[in-house]
Amino acid sequence: MRNDWDRLDRFLVLGSEGNTYYTTDHGFDGSSIVSRCLASDGLRTLHRIVDVSQTGRAPKNDPAIFSLAMAAKLGDERTRRAAYLALPTVCRTGSHLMAFAEHAQGFGGWGRGMRKAVGAWFNTQAPAELARQLATHRSSVGWSQRDLLRLAHPRGATTSHELLFAWVATGTLSDAARADAALALIVAIDELRVTADAPACAALVREHRIPRECVPSAWLEHPEVWDALRATLPLAAILPELTTMTRVGLLLPGARATTEIVQLLHGPLPHPISILAALVAYRDRGVREIVDALEAAFYASFASVVATDKRTLVALDISSSMDRGAVANVEAMTPRIASVAMALVTAATEAAHGSVAFTAGGSGISQLPIAATQRLADALATVDRPTGTTDCAKLISWANQNRIEVDTFVVYTDTETRTGFVHPTTALRDYRNARGIPAKLVVVGMTSTGFSIADPDDAGMLDVVGFDASAPPVIADFARA
C-alpha cells in the first residue's frame, strides 16, 4: 500500500493518480491527491512539486504546473505565497505560464497575488530572453501573452520591458523598439514579413537564430531557409524534419547539409526509439547517405541507454494486430516494429534479460531468440510464429513455474490484454511470495487509448498507454525505483 506522499510523487511523474502513464494529453485525474497533500502540509507539497519539476524526473512538466496552480489558489496563505514565488522555477517557458493561467482560472481565477506573480514572471527575465519567449510562445491552451499582460497589467521593470509589453499589446513596433538591441529578435521577425527573397530571409534567420515557429510558412518551402534553421536545432528536433528538408531540396546526395547531418548522427544521440522513428519515416523517401547513417545511429544509440541493472523479462504480443496502427506519430512504425526494437534495446543494455512471446498451445509462452548483436530485420523474423492471447498472468505464472528470477516483467501489446482465470495482480503476488522477489509488472498498450491492468494500490505495477520516446525512460525509472 502506498501513502499519499507516494501517490503525489507518482502523479507528478506520471500525470495520473493511478498507476498509468499516458504518452498523449488526457487531462489530469490527480486533483484529489494534490488536495489531500495540500491540506496535510502545503509547503511540503510545494517542495515536491518544485523538486520534480526542477530535476527533470517527470517526462512532462504539465502535472507539476497543474499542482502548482492548485497550491497557488487552494493552499493556505503561506503555501499560496510560496507557490507564486516558485512560478518562474516551475513555469520556465511562455507555454508553461499560459498552462498555469488556464489551471489557475479553473481553481478560482485572478486575484492580487496572481496578478503580481504573473507580472513578476515577465519582469524578472532579461529583456532579450523575454523577447524570445514572447515571440516563440505567443498562444497556448486558449490563452495568449496579450491576455496575460492585460490581466496582470505589470509596469515594465526596464524600458526594454515596456517596449516588449507594448509590442505584445499592439502587434506593432515603435521607432524606440526598433532601436533597442534587446528587441533585435522581434525586429528581425517583423522584417521577415516584408523580406523580398529567400536568401535575405535565411540571413535573418541565421543571424538572429529565429525559431522555426516564427518563420512565415511561405519561406519554409525554400532550402536556404531550412539550412539556416538547421543550425539552430538540436539533432532531436532535426530528425522529424528530415523528410521536409529533403522535399524542399536541401538534402541531396553529396550536399554539404547532407554531410553535416551525417556527422551529427555520429555524435551524441537521443533514445533509439527517436532514431528508429526517423529511420522508418525517412527510409523510402530519403537520401541514401542519411538512411545509412540513421540505421547505424539506431544501433549506436543503444550505448546511450542507461541500464536499470534489473533482471528484465520482455514479453511481446506477436498477433497480426501488431502490424496495424502507428507508434510515435509515424505511420509506418507499427507496434510490432517498435516492440521488437525495445526487446533489442533491452538485450543490448541489460546484463540479465530474456525475451518471450505469447504463442498458441502449451503454456502460451515461448522463448524468443533475440540477442544484442541482431539486426532489427533478423529480430522481426523471430516473431513469425503462431500466436496466442496476451495474458499477463500466464506470463508471470510461467516464470514462476520455471523458477525464472525476474525483477521487472515488461509486456508490449497494441491494446488491452486479456485476463484469464487468474488476474495479473494475483499472479504477481503469488510470484513475489514464491520467489521472494519484489517483482514489478509494466504493461504497454502501444496503440491503446486507455486500459487498467495495474492495481492502483500496488506500487509495483504500471500501465503505459500509447508509446513514444518519452515512454522508455518512464519504464526504466519505474524499474529502478
Protein backbone atom coordinates (compact mmCIF):
# COMPACT_ATOMS: atom_id res chain seq x y z
CA MET A 1 0.00 0.00 0.00
CA ARG A 2 1.22 3.48 -0.81
CA ASN A 3 0.70 6.57 1.31
CA ASP A 4 -0.46 9.93 -0.03
CA TRP A 5 3.07 11.28 -0.45
CA ASP A 6 4.00 8.31 -2.63
CA ARG A 7 0.83 8.89 -4.65
CA LEU A 8 1.71 12.56 -5.04
CA ASP A 9 5.16 11.68 -6.36
CA ARG A 10 3.59 9.17 -8.76
CA PHE A 11 1.14 11.82 -10.01
CA LEU A 12 3.87 14.42 -10.50
CA VAL A 13 5.87 11.94 -12.60
CA LEU A 14 3.11 10.10 -14.46
CA GLY A 15 0.35 12.70 -14.58
CA SER A 16 -2.11 10.19 -13.15
CA GLU A 17 -3.15 9.40 -9.60
CA GLY A 18 -3.30 5.74 -10.53
CA ASN A 19 -0.54 3.57 -11.98
CA THR A 20 -0.92 4.76 -15.57
CA TYR A 21 1.34 6.85 -17.79
CA TYR A 22 -0.27 8.40 -20.88
CA THR A 23 2.05 9.39 -23.72
CA THR A 24 -0.61 11.75 -25.12
CA ASP A 25 -2.56 14.52 -23.43
CA HIS A 26 -5.50 13.09 -21.48
CA GLY A 27 -6.19 15.74 -18.84
CA PHE A 28 -5.44 15.14 -15.18
CA ASP A 29 -7.09 12.95 -12.57
CA GLY A 30 -4.85 13.93 -9.66
CA SER A 31 -6.75 16.80 -8.04
CA SER A 32 -7.81 14.66 -5.07
CA ILE A 33 -4.29 13.57 -4.14
CA VAL A 34 -2.88 17.09 -4.54
CA SER A 35 -5.75 18.41 -2.42
CA ARG A 36 -5.12 15.93 0.36
CA CYS A 37 -1.41 16.67 0.44
CA LEU A 38 -2.00 20.43 0.42
CA ALA A 39 -4.37 20.05 3.35
CA SER A 40 -1.86 17.89 5.21
CA ASP A 41 1.27 20.01 4.62
CA GLY A 42 1.15 22.68 1.93
CA LEU A 43 4.82 23.64 1.99
CA ARG A 44 5.93 20.00 1.84
CA THR A 45 3.64 19.51 -1.14
CA LEU A 46 5.09 22.57 -2.84
CA HIS A 47 8.64 21.37 -2.21
CA ARG A 48 7.85 18.11 -4.01
CA ILE A 49 6.25 19.92 -6.92
CA VAL A 50 9.31 22.12 -7.39
CA ASP A 51 11.76 19.26 -6.90
CA VAL A 52 10.15 17.00 -9.53
CA SER A 53 9.90 19.88 -11.99
CA GLN A 54 13.47 21.13 -11.49
CA THR A 55 15.23 17.77 -11.50
CA GLY A 56 13.54 16.57 -14.69
CA ARG A 57 12.25 13.37 -13.08
CA ALA A 58 8.99 13.68 -14.99
CA PRO A 59 8.83 13.26 -18.78
CA LYS A 60 6.38 16.16 -18.91
CA ASN A 61 6.13 19.31 -16.79
CA ASP A 62 2.32 19.51 -17.03
CA PRO A 63 1.46 17.68 -13.77
CA ALA A 64 3.79 19.99 -11.82
CA ILE A 65 2.19 23.07 -13.42
CA PHE A 66 -1.29 21.77 -12.61
CA SER A 67 -0.27 21.07 -9.00
CA LEU A 68 1.41 24.47 -8.63
CA ALA A 69 -1.81 26.16 -9.76
CA MET A 70 -3.71 24.20 -7.12
CA ALA A 71 -1.20 25.21 -4.45
CA ALA A 72 -1.37 28.87 -5.51
CA LYS A 73 -5.16 29.02 -5.48
CA LEU A 74 -6.23 26.44 -2.86
CA GLY A 75 -3.36 26.27 -0.36
CA ASP A 76 -3.18 28.13 2.93
CA GLU A 77 -1.73 31.64 2.95
CA ARG A 78 1.91 30.57 3.38
CA THR A 79 1.56 27.95 0.67
CA ARG A 80 -0.05 30.39 -1.75
CA ARG A 81 2.72 32.94 -1.27
CA ALA A 82 5.41 30.29 -1.72
CA ALA A 83 3.68 28.88 -4.80
CA TYR A 84 3.63 32.27 -6.51
CA LEU A 85 7.32 32.74 -5.70
CA ALA A 86 8.01 29.33 -7.30
CA LEU A 87 6.22 30.28 -10.52
CA PRO A 88 9.38 31.09 -12.56
CA THR A 89 11.06 27.90 -11.31
CA VAL A 90 8.27 25.57 -12.43
CA CYS A 91 6.93 27.58 -15.39
CA ARG A 92 10.09 28.13 -17.39
CA THR A 93 8.55 28.95 -20.77
CA GLY A 94 5.73 31.10 -22.03
CA SER A 95 3.67 27.98 -22.79
CA HIS A 96 4.15 26.80 -19.21
CA LEU A 97 2.90 30.16 -17.95
CA MET A 98 -0.23 30.00 -20.09
CA ALA A 99 -0.93 26.45 -18.89
CA PHE A 100 -0.59 27.71 -15.30
CA ALA A 101 -3.07 30.51 -16.05
CA GLU A 102 -5.57 28.03 -17.51
CA HIS A 103 -5.41 25.76 -14.45
CA ALA A 104 -5.49 28.70 -12.01
CA GLN A 105 -8.56 30.07 -13.76
CA GLY A 106 -10.33 26.81 -13.02
CA PHE A 107 -9.32 26.94 -9.37
CA GLY A 108 -10.51 30.47 -8.63
CA GLY A 109 -9.46 32.99 -11.23
CA TRP A 110 -7.29 36.05 -10.84
CA GLY A 111 -6.59 37.88 -7.60
CA ARG A 112 -3.93 40.30 -6.45
CA GLY A 113 -1.40 37.53 -5.76
CA MET A 114 -1.92 36.02 -9.22
CA ARG A 115 -1.54 39.37 -10.98
CA LYS A 116 1.61 40.18 -9.04
CA ALA A 117 3.18 36.75 -9.69
CA VAL A 118 2.45 36.75 -13.43
CA GLY A 119 3.75 40.31 -13.75
CA ALA A 120 6.92 39.31 -11.92
CA TRP A 121 7.37 36.34 -14.30
CA PHE A 122 7.67 38.79 -17.18
CA ASN A 123 9.77 41.38 -15.35
CA THR A 124 12.35 39.06 -13.81
CA GLN A 125 13.50 37.80 -17.21
CA ALA A 126 16.28 39.54 -19.07
CA PRO A 127 14.74 41.56 -21.93
CA ALA A 128 16.43 39.57 -24.72
CA GLU A 129 15.29 36.23 -23.24
CA LEU A 130 11.80 37.60 -22.66
CA ALA A 131 11.70 38.69 -26.30
CA ARG A 132 12.46 35.11 -27.37
CA GLN A 133 9.78 33.72 -25.05
CA LEU A 134 7.17 36.20 -26.28
CA ALA A 135 7.98 35.50 -29.91
CA THR A 136 8.09 31.71 -29.62
CA HIS A 137 5.17 31.13 -27.24
CA ARG A 138 2.51 33.58 -28.38
CA SER A 139 -0.54 31.49 -27.52
CA SER A 140 -1.44 28.15 -25.96
CA VAL A 141 -4.39 26.32 -24.37
CA GLY A 142 -6.76 29.16 -25.26
CA TRP A 143 -4.54 31.89 -23.78
CA SER A 144 -2.23 34.44 -25.36
CA GLN A 145 0.59 36.51 -23.95
CA ARG A 146 -1.62 39.55 -24.60
CA ASP A 147 -4.28 38.03 -22.30
CA LEU A 148 -1.74 37.52 -19.51
CA LEU A 149 -0.32 41.02 -19.76
CA ARG A 150 -3.79 42.56 -19.92
CA LEU A 151 -4.85 40.77 -16.73
CA ALA A 152 -1.57 41.18 -14.83
CA HIS A 153 -1.03 44.74 -16.12
CA PRO A 154 2.60 44.94 -14.94
CA ARG A 155 4.72 48.06 -15.19
CA GLY A 156 7.89 47.21 -17.09
CA ALA A 157 11.00 46.77 -14.98
CA THR A 158 13.06 48.46 -17.70
CA THR A 159 12.41 50.49 -20.82
CA SER A 160 13.01 47.33 -22.87
CA HIS A 161 10.32 45.51 -20.90
CA GLU A 162 7.87 48.35 -21.53
CA LEU A 163 8.63 48.25 -25.26
CA LEU A 164 8.07 44.49 -25.32
CA PHE A 165 4.76 44.82 -23.48
CA ALA A 166 3.67 47.47 -25.98
CA TRP A 167 4.58 45.18 -28.90
CA VAL A 168 2.51 42.34 -27.43
CA ALA A 169 -0.45 44.69 -26.84
CA THR A 170 -0.44 46.37 -30.27
CA GLY A 171 1.41 43.99 -32.58
CA THR A 172 3.49 46.88 -33.90
CA LEU A 173 7.00 48.15 -33.22
CA SER A 174 7.72 51.77 -32.40
CA ASP A 175 10.88 53.51 -33.56
CA ALA A 176 12.22 53.20 -30.00
CA ALA A 177 11.60 49.44 -30.08
CA ARG A 178 13.44 49.09 -33.40
CA ALA A 179 16.44 50.90 -31.93
CA ASP A 180 16.56 48.74 -28.76
CA ALA A 181 19.19 45.98 -29.05
CA ALA A 182 17.22 43.75 -26.63
CA LEU A 183 14.39 43.62 -29.18
CA ALA A 184 16.60 42.65 -32.12
CA LEU A 185 14.86 39.26 -32.47
CA ILE A 186 11.41 40.86 -32.58
CA VAL A 187 12.60 43.39 -35.16
CA ALA A 188 14.08 40.59 -37.30
CA ILE A 189 10.83 38.58 -37.12
CA ASP A 190 8.92 41.68 -38.18
CA GLU A 191 11.29 42.12 -41.13
CA LEU A 192 10.55 38.57 -42.31
CA ARG A 193 7.06 39.73 -43.30
CA VAL A 194 8.46 42.12 -45.90
CA THR A 195 11.64 40.28 -46.91
CA ALA A 196 11.96 40.12 -50.67
CA ASP A 197 13.74 36.81 -51.23
CA ALA A 198 14.74 33.53 -49.60
CA PRO A 199 18.47 34.35 -49.20
CA ALA A 200 17.59 37.51 -47.25
CA CYS A 201 15.15 35.53 -45.11
CA ALA A 202 17.82 32.89 -44.46
CA ALA A 203 20.32 35.57 -43.46
CA LEU A 204 17.90 36.98 -40.89
CA VAL A 205 17.16 33.51 -39.50
CA ARG A 206 20.83 32.68 -39.23
CA GLU A 207 21.93 36.00 -37.71
CA HIS A 208 19.17 36.20 -35.10
CA ARG A 209 18.57 32.47 -34.59
CA ILE A 210 14.91 32.95 -35.37
CA PRO A 211 12.89 29.92 -34.24
CA ARG A 212 11.02 27.83 -36.80
CA GLU A 213 7.71 28.80 -35.17
CA CYS A 214 8.34 32.43 -36.08
CA VAL A 215 9.12 31.92 -39.78
CA PRO A 216 6.19 32.52 -42.16
CA SER A 217 5.10 29.25 -43.76
CA ALA A 218 5.79 30.52 -47.29
CA TRP A 219 9.52 30.73 -46.52
CA LEU A 220 9.56 27.12 -45.26
CA GLU A 221 9.45 25.94 -48.88
CA HIS A 222 12.98 27.21 -49.52
CA PRO A 223 16.14 25.16 -48.92
CA GLU A 224 18.18 28.22 -47.90
CA VAL A 225 15.79 28.94 -45.05
CA TRP A 226 15.86 25.35 -43.81
CA ASP A 227 19.65 25.41 -43.96
CA ALA A 228 19.63 28.44 -41.67
CA LEU A 229 17.04 26.86 -39.34
CA ARG A 230 19.03 23.63 -39.15
CA ALA A 231 21.89 25.47 -37.48
CA THR A 232 19.59 26.45 -34.59
CA LEU A 233 18.12 22.98 -33.99
CA PRO A 234 19.39 20.07 -31.88
CA LEU A 235 19.50 16.64 -33.51
CA ALA A 236 16.28 15.52 -31.81
CA ALA A 237 14.43 18.42 -33.46
CA ILE A 238 16.10 17.84 -36.84
CA LEU A 239 15.08 14.19 -37.09
CA PRO A 240 11.32 14.78 -37.63
CA GLU A 241 12.13 17.41 -40.27
CA LEU A 242 14.38 15.26 -42.49
CA THR A 243 11.59 14.49 -44.94
CA THR A 244 10.69 18.17 -45.30
CA MET A 245 14.33 19.19 -45.73
CA THR A 246 14.67 16.58 -48.47
CA ARG A 247 11.41 17.58 -50.18
CA VAL A 248 12.43 21.25 -50.46
CA GLY A 249 15.82 20.30 -51.93
CA LEU A 250 18.20 20.96 -49.04
CA LEU A 251 19.26 17.36 -48.52
CA LEU A 252 20.71 15.98 -51.74
CA PRO A 253 23.33 13.27 -52.35
CA GLY A 254 26.75 14.71 -51.59
CA ALA A 255 25.39 18.10 -50.47
CA ARG A 256 27.06 19.97 -47.62
CA ALA A 257 23.92 19.87 -45.48
CA THR A 258 23.65 16.11 -46.02
CA THR A 259 27.26 15.61 -44.94
CA GLU A 260 26.74 17.74 -41.83
CA ILE A 261 23.65 15.79 -40.76
CA VAL A 262 25.50 12.53 -41.25
CA GLN A 263 28.23 13.92 -38.99
CA LEU A 264 25.61 14.81 -36.35
CA LEU A 265 24.45 11.20 -36.42
CA HIS A 266 27.94 10.16 -35.34
CA GLY A 267 27.77 12.34 -32.21
CA PRO A 268 25.65 12.22 -29.04
CA LEU A 269 22.35 10.52 -29.86
CA PRO A 270 18.80 10.56 -28.46
CA HIS A 271 16.95 7.41 -27.42
CA PRO A 272 16.92 4.60 -30.03
CA ILE A 273 13.16 4.97 -30.49
CA SER A 274 13.63 8.57 -31.70
CA ILE A 275 16.24 7.39 -34.21
CA LEU A 276 14.05 4.47 -35.31
CA ALA A 277 11.03 6.73 -35.83
CA ALA A 278 13.09 8.96 -38.12
CA LEU A 279 14.54 5.95 -39.97
CA VAL A 280 11.15 4.33 -40.59
CA ALA A 281 9.60 7.61 -41.75
CA TYR A 282 12.55 8.54 -43.98
CA ARG A 283 13.80 5.21 -45.34
CA ASP A 284 11.71 5.06 -48.54
CA ARG A 285 11.90 8.75 -49.44
CA GLY A 286 15.32 9.88 -48.32
CA VAL A 287 18.91 10.34 -49.32
CA ARG A 288 20.91 7.11 -49.12
CA GLU A 289 23.76 8.59 -47.03
CA ILE A 290 21.30 9.75 -44.37
CA VAL A 291 19.32 6.50 -44.39
CA ASP A 292 22.54 4.55 -43.85
CA ALA A 293 23.64 6.95 -41.11
CA LEU A 294 20.25 6.64 -39.37
CA GLU A 295 20.44 2.86 -39.44
CA ALA A 296 23.96 2.89 -37.96
CA ALA A 297 22.90 5.51 -35.40
CA PHE A 298 19.97 3.34 -34.27
CA TYR A 299 22.33 0.59 -33.11
CA ALA A 300 24.97 3.05 -31.87
CA SER A 301 22.34 4.79 -29.71
CA PHE A 302 21.94 1.64 -27.60
CA ALA A 303 25.14 2.72 -25.85
CA SER A 304 23.45 5.90 -24.61
CA VAL A 305 20.69 3.97 -22.80
CA VAL A 306 21.40 3.66 -19.07
CA ALA A 307 20.80 0.14 -17.80
CA THR A 308 18.38 -0.43 -14.94
CA ASP A 309 20.57 -3.30 -13.66
CA LYS A 310 17.38 -5.28 -13.07
CA ARG A 311 16.56 -8.79 -14.24
CA THR A 312 14.18 -7.94 -17.06
CA LEU A 313 11.82 -10.22 -18.97
CA VAL A 314 10.30 -8.69 -22.11
CA ALA A 315 7.11 -10.32 -23.39
CA LEU A 316 5.80 -9.50 -26.87
CA ASP A 317 2.33 -9.71 -28.32
CA ILE A 318 3.06 -11.14 -31.79
CA SER A 319 -0.51 -11.28 -33.12
CA SER A 320 -1.41 -9.91 -36.55
CA SER A 321 -2.95 -6.80 -34.98
CA MET A 322 0.58 -5.67 -34.07
CA ASP A 323 1.03 -4.83 -37.76
CA ARG A 324 -1.74 -2.24 -37.59
CA GLY A 325 -1.66 1.23 -36.10
CA ALA A 326 1.04 3.87 -35.82
CA VAL A 327 3.52 4.38 -33.00
CA ALA A 328 5.19 7.72 -32.11
CA ASN A 329 3.11 9.50 -34.78
CA VAL A 330 4.97 7.66 -37.55
CA GLU A 331 2.53 5.92 -39.87
CA ALA A 332 4.94 3.18 -40.97
CA MET A 333 6.18 2.35 -37.46
CA THR A 334 3.85 -0.39 -36.29
CA PRO A 335 3.60 -1.77 -32.76
CA ARG A 336 5.46 -4.88 -33.99
CA ILE A 337 8.47 -2.87 -35.15
CA ALA A 338 8.59 -0.73 -32.01
CA SER A 339 8.13 -3.65 -29.59
CA VAL A 340 10.84 -5.77 -31.23
CA ALA A 341 13.13 -2.73 -31.23
CA MET A 342 12.57 -2.35 -27.48
CA ALA A 343 13.38 -6.04 -26.99
CA LEU A 344 16.66 -5.42 -28.84
CA VAL A 345 17.43 -2.36 -26.71
CA THR A 346 16.80 -4.39 -23.56
CA ALA A 347 19.05 -7.21 -24.79
CA ALA A 348 21.80 -4.71 -25.56
CA THR A 349 21.62 -2.80 -22.27
CA GLU A 350 20.58 -5.20 -19.51
CA ALA A 351 23.06 -7.85 -18.36
CA ALA A 352 20.24 -10.10 -17.12
CA HIS A 353 17.42 -10.22 -19.63
CA GLY A 354 15.12 -12.52 -21.54
CA SER A 355 12.56 -12.26 -24.34
CA VAL A 356 9.40 -14.32 -24.81
CA ALA A 357 6.25 -14.19 -26.90
CA PHE A 358 2.61 -15.01 -26.25
CA THR A 359 2.05 -18.02 -28.51
CA ALA A 360 -0.52 -20.73 -29.14
CA GLY A 361 -0.50 -24.08 -27.33
CA GLY A 362 1.18 -25.33 -24.19
CA SER A 363 1.86 -22.70 -21.58
CA GLY A 364 1.06 -19.91 -24.03
CA ILE A 365 4.62 -18.58 -23.64
CA SER A 366 7.58 -19.28 -25.93
CA GLN A 367 11.18 -18.14 -25.74
CA LEU A 368 12.34 -15.62 -28.36
CA PRO A 369 15.96 -15.84 -29.52
CA ILE A 370 16.57 -12.09 -29.52
CA ALA A 371 20.21 -11.11 -28.96
CA ALA A 372 22.01 -7.79 -28.60
CA THR A 373 24.03 -8.39 -31.76
CA GLN A 374 21.00 -8.92 -34.01
CA ARG A 375 19.82 -6.53 -36.67
CA LEU A 376 16.21 -5.38 -36.41
CA ALA A 377 15.14 -7.28 -39.55
CA ASP A 378 16.51 -10.53 -38.11
CA ALA A 379 14.80 -9.92 -34.78
CA LEU A 380 11.49 -9.25 -36.53
CA ALA A 381 11.77 -12.63 -38.23
CA THR A 382 11.83 -14.36 -34.83
CA VAL A 383 8.25 -13.27 -34.09
CA ASP A 384 6.79 -15.00 -37.14
CA ARG A 385 5.04 -17.88 -35.35
CA PRO A 386 1.54 -18.99 -34.23
CA THR A 387 0.06 -16.60 -31.70
CA GLY A 388 -1.94 -16.89 -28.51
CA THR A 389 -3.75 -14.46 -26.26
CA THR A 390 -1.79 -11.76 -24.43
CA ASP A 391 -2.45 -12.91 -20.87
CA CYS A 392 -0.06 -11.27 -18.40
CA ALA A 393 -1.00 -13.73 -15.65
CA LYS A 394 0.14 -16.63 -17.88
CA LEU A 395 3.48 -14.91 -18.37
CA ILE A 396 4.06 -14.47 -14.64
CA SER A 397 2.85 -17.98 -13.80
CA TRP A 398 5.14 -19.44 -16.48
CA ALA A 399 8.13 -17.61 -14.96
CA ASN A 400 7.12 -18.84 -11.51
CA GLN A 401 6.72 -22.47 -12.60
CA ASN A 402 10.08 -22.38 -14.38
CA ARG A 403 11.82 -20.70 -11.42
CA ILE A 404 12.93 -17.78 -13.55
CA GLU A 405 14.08 -14.86 -11.44
CA VAL A 406 12.65 -11.59 -12.73
CA ASP A 407 12.71 -8.12 -11.23
CA THR A 408 10.67 -6.46 -13.99
CA PHE A 409 8.19 -8.00 -16.41
CA VAL A 410 7.57 -5.72 -19.41
CA VAL A 411 4.70 -6.61 -21.76
CA TYR A 412 4.35 -4.90 -25.16
CA THR A 413 0.99 -5.17 -26.88
CA ASP A 414 -1.13 -2.99 -29.13
CA THR A 415 -4.24 -2.65 -26.98
CA GLU A 416 -5.52 -4.02 -23.70
CA THR A 417 -4.50 -7.55 -22.77
CA ARG A 418 -6.92 -10.35 -21.94
CA THR A 419 -7.32 -11.76 -18.46
CA GLY A 420 -8.00 -15.46 -17.96
CA PHE A 421 -8.99 -17.28 -14.78
CA VAL A 422 -6.17 -15.58 -12.85
CA HIS A 423 -5.80 -11.79 -12.70
CA PRO A 424 -2.26 -10.42 -13.24
CA THR A 425 -2.38 -8.82 -9.77
CA THR A 426 -2.91 -12.26 -8.20
CA ALA A 427 -0.25 -13.91 -10.36
CA LEU A 428 2.26 -11.19 -9.47
CA ARG A 429 1.53 -11.53 -5.76
CA ASP A 430 1.95 -15.32 -5.98
CA TYR A 431 5.23 -14.87 -7.85
CA ARG A 432 6.58 -12.48 -5.25
CA ASN A 433 5.67 -14.83 -2.41
CA ALA A 434 7.08 -17.92 -4.12
CA ARG A 435 10.32 -16.41 -5.41
CA GLY A 436 10.98 -13.90 -2.65
CA ILE A 437 11.43 -11.12 -5.24
CA PRO A 438 9.55 -7.76 -5.15
CA ALA A 439 8.87 -8.13 -8.87
CA LYS A 440 7.21 -5.40 -10.94
CA LEU A 441 4.93 -5.54 -13.95
CA VAL A 442 4.75 -2.97 -16.79
CA VAL A 443 2.08 -3.36 -19.47
CA VAL A 444 2.49 -1.15 -22.54
CA GLY A 445 -0.57 -0.71 -24.77
CA MET A 446 1.23 0.84 -27.72
CA THR A 447 -1.89 1.99 -29.62
CA SER A 448 -4.34 1.95 -26.75
CA THR A 449 -6.31 4.97 -25.58
CA GLY A 450 -6.78 3.62 -22.08
CA PHE A 451 -6.88 0.40 -20.07
CA SER A 452 -6.42 -0.77 -16.49
CA ILE A 453 -4.31 -3.78 -15.62
CA ALA A 454 -2.32 -2.23 -12.78
CA ASP A 455 -3.72 -2.30 -9.24
CA PRO A 456 -3.72 1.36 -8.08
CA ASP A 457 -2.66 0.24 -4.60
CA ASP A 458 0.32 -1.77 -5.90
CA ALA A 459 3.38 0.44 -6.38
CA GLY A 460 4.98 -2.35 -8.40
CA MET A 461 2.51 -2.21 -11.32
CA LEU A 462 2.43 0.30 -14.18
CA ASP A 463 0.28 0.71 -17.28
CA VAL A 464 1.66 2.72 -20.22
CA VAL A 465 -0.98 3.99 -22.64
CA GLY A 466 0.44 4.76 -26.08
CA PHE A 467 4.11 4.77 -26.94
CA ASP A 468 6.74 7.31 -27.97
CA ALA A 469 10.26 8.28 -26.95
CA SER A 470 9.01 9.50 -23.55
CA ALA A 471 7.85 6.02 -22.52
CA PRO A 472 11.17 4.09 -22.26
CA PRO A 473 12.67 6.45 -19.61
CA VAL A 474 9.44 6.19 -17.59
CA ILE A 475 9.63 2.39 -17.71
CA ALA A 476 13.33 2.42 -16.77
CA ASP A 477 12.82 4.80 -13.84
CA PHE A 478 9.92 2.66 -12.64
CA ALA A 479 12.10 -0.45 -12.77
CA ARG A 480 14.89 1.24 -10.78
CA ALA A 481 12.64 2.67 -8.05
